[in-house]
Protein backbone atom coordinates (compact mmCIF):
# COMPACT_ATOMS: atom_id res chain seq x y z
CA MET A 1 -50.41 54.13 -39.88
CA PRO A 2 -48.13 57.00 -38.77
CA LEU A 3 -45.87 56.53 -35.76
CA LYS A 4 -47.84 59.07 -33.74
CA GLN A 5 -51.08 57.13 -34.16
CA GLN A 6 -49.40 53.86 -33.27
CA ILE A 7 -47.88 55.27 -30.09
CA ILE A 8 -51.25 56.77 -29.14
CA ARG A 9 -52.88 53.38 -29.78
CA ALA A 10 -50.28 51.61 -27.62
CA LYS A 11 -50.81 54.06 -24.75
CA GLU A 12 -54.57 53.58 -25.03
CA ASP A 13 -54.16 49.79 -25.08
CA LEU A 14 -52.05 49.97 -21.91
CA LEU A 15 -54.40 52.24 -19.99
CA ASP A 16 -56.05 50.29 -17.17
CA ASN A 17 -54.93 47.04 -18.80
CA GLU A 18 -54.39 44.22 -16.31
CA ASP A 19 -53.93 41.40 -18.83
CA ARG A 20 -50.26 40.51 -18.45
CA ALA A 21 -50.00 38.75 -21.82
CA ASP A 22 -51.67 41.66 -23.61
CA ILE A 23 -49.33 44.18 -21.96
CA ILE A 24 -46.27 42.13 -22.96
CA ASP A 25 -47.54 41.79 -26.55
CA CYS A 26 -48.13 45.54 -26.72
CA CYS A 27 -44.66 46.24 -25.31
CA ILE A 28 -42.98 44.02 -27.90
CA TRP A 29 -45.03 45.44 -30.78
CA ILE A 30 -44.53 49.14 -30.02
CA MET A 31 -40.86 48.84 -29.08
CA LYS A 32 -40.01 46.96 -32.28
CA LEU A 33 -41.82 49.68 -34.15
CA ILE A 34 -39.85 52.41 -32.36
CA VAL A 35 -36.49 50.74 -33.05
CA ARG A 36 -37.34 50.34 -36.72
CA ALA A 37 -38.65 53.90 -36.91
CA GLY A 38 -35.31 55.03 -35.49
CA LEU A 39 -33.55 53.29 -38.35
CA ALA A 40 -35.92 54.97 -40.81
CA LEU A 41 -34.74 58.36 -39.53
CA VAL A 42 -31.20 57.66 -40.74
CA ILE A 43 -31.75 55.23 -43.61
CA GLU A 44 -30.92 57.82 -46.27
CA LYS A 45 -27.64 58.69 -44.56
CA GLU A 46 -26.66 55.04 -44.20
CA HIS A 47 -28.06 53.67 -47.48
CA ARG A 48 -28.84 50.37 -45.81
CA TYR A 49 -31.77 48.63 -44.19
CA THR A 50 -32.21 45.78 -41.76
CA ARG A 51 -35.22 44.26 -40.06
CA ASP A 52 -32.93 43.04 -37.28
CA LEU A 53 -33.37 45.10 -34.16
CA TYR A 54 -29.84 45.24 -32.78
CA PRO A 55 -28.23 46.49 -36.02
CA ALA A 56 -31.11 48.97 -36.40
CA TYR A 57 -30.37 50.29 -32.90
CA GLN A 58 -26.63 50.53 -33.66
CA ILE A 59 -27.21 52.48 -36.86
CA PHE A 60 -29.60 54.87 -35.10
CA ALA A 61 -27.20 55.40 -32.17
CA LYS A 62 -24.36 56.22 -34.56
CA HIS A 63 -26.31 59.29 -35.73
CA TYR A 64 -28.20 60.17 -32.54
CA HIS A 65 -25.58 59.68 -29.82
CA GLU A 66 -27.62 61.68 -27.30
CA LYS A 67 -30.60 59.33 -27.74
CA GLY A 68 -28.66 56.08 -27.94
CA ALA A 69 -29.41 55.04 -24.36
CA GLU A 70 -33.14 55.55 -24.85
CA MET A 71 -33.15 53.59 -28.09
CA LYS A 72 -31.19 50.85 -26.33
CA GLN A 73 -33.96 50.78 -23.72
CA ALA A 74 -36.55 50.39 -26.49
CA LEU A 75 -34.46 47.52 -27.88
CA GLN A 76 -34.33 45.89 -24.44
CA TYR A 77 -38.09 46.26 -24.03
CA ALA A 78 -38.60 44.63 -27.45
CA ILE A 79 -36.38 41.69 -26.54
CA ALA A 80 -37.25 41.35 -22.84
CA PRO A 81 -40.64 43.04 -22.45
CA VAL A 82 -41.98 44.25 -19.14
CA ASP A 83 -45.52 43.75 -17.89
CA ASN A 84 -45.80 47.12 -16.16
CA PRO A 85 -48.09 49.32 -18.26
CA LYS A 86 -47.13 52.47 -16.35
CA GLU A 87 -43.43 51.91 -17.04
CA ILE A 88 -44.08 51.41 -20.75
CA SER A 89 -46.41 54.42 -20.91
CA ARG A 90 -43.83 56.65 -19.20
CA PHE A 91 -41.23 55.58 -21.74
CA LEU A 92 -43.63 56.23 -24.61
CA GLU A 93 -44.55 59.61 -23.17
CA HIS A 94 -40.90 60.66 -23.02
CA PHE A 95 -38.97 58.91 -25.80
CA GLY A 96 -42.03 58.14 -27.89
CA SER A 97 -42.89 61.84 -27.98
CA TRP A 98 -39.36 62.65 -29.12
CA MET A 99 -39.59 59.98 -31.83
CA ILE A 100 -42.88 61.46 -33.04
CA GLU A 101 -41.29 64.93 -33.28
CA GLU A 102 -38.26 63.59 -35.16
CA SER A 103 -40.37 61.54 -37.54
CA GLU A 104 -42.52 64.59 -38.28
CA LYS A 105 -39.37 66.62 -39.05
CA TRP A 106 -38.12 63.83 -41.30
CA LEU A 107 -41.43 63.70 -43.14
CA GLU A 108 -41.42 67.48 -43.68
CA VAL A 109 -38.12 67.13 -45.53
CA HIS A 110 -38.54 63.79 -47.29
CA ASN A 111 -42.30 63.45 -47.77
CA PRO A 112 -44.04 66.77 -47.10
CA THR A 113 -47.26 65.73 -48.88
CA ARG A 114 -47.38 62.47 -46.88
CA LEU A 115 -47.54 60.42 -50.05
CA LYS A 116 -48.10 56.74 -49.24
CA HIS A 117 -46.09 54.13 -51.09
């Protein structure tokens, strides 16, 4: 499922959600996805991959200095999730939207036909 659809799903899951455990699970899931998607944006420049979140964040921040703080926040949410759906949604609206735009640009260059592997 494309990043855009997953972020939309997370925002929908958070809307009017009062189940603390569900909110925390959603936070962990979507933030891990964002950190790993950030690594995917630079994987061809780095020629390396990791599933580990902190190294993924570091590699992303090396190439996107201006977005490093926001990716660090995503990393922190993945490791120490919050149970405030509005806080998570605001972050997804701002940084998530930027990640969607960047992933779409990446796909236009590296996979314009959206071929699935």
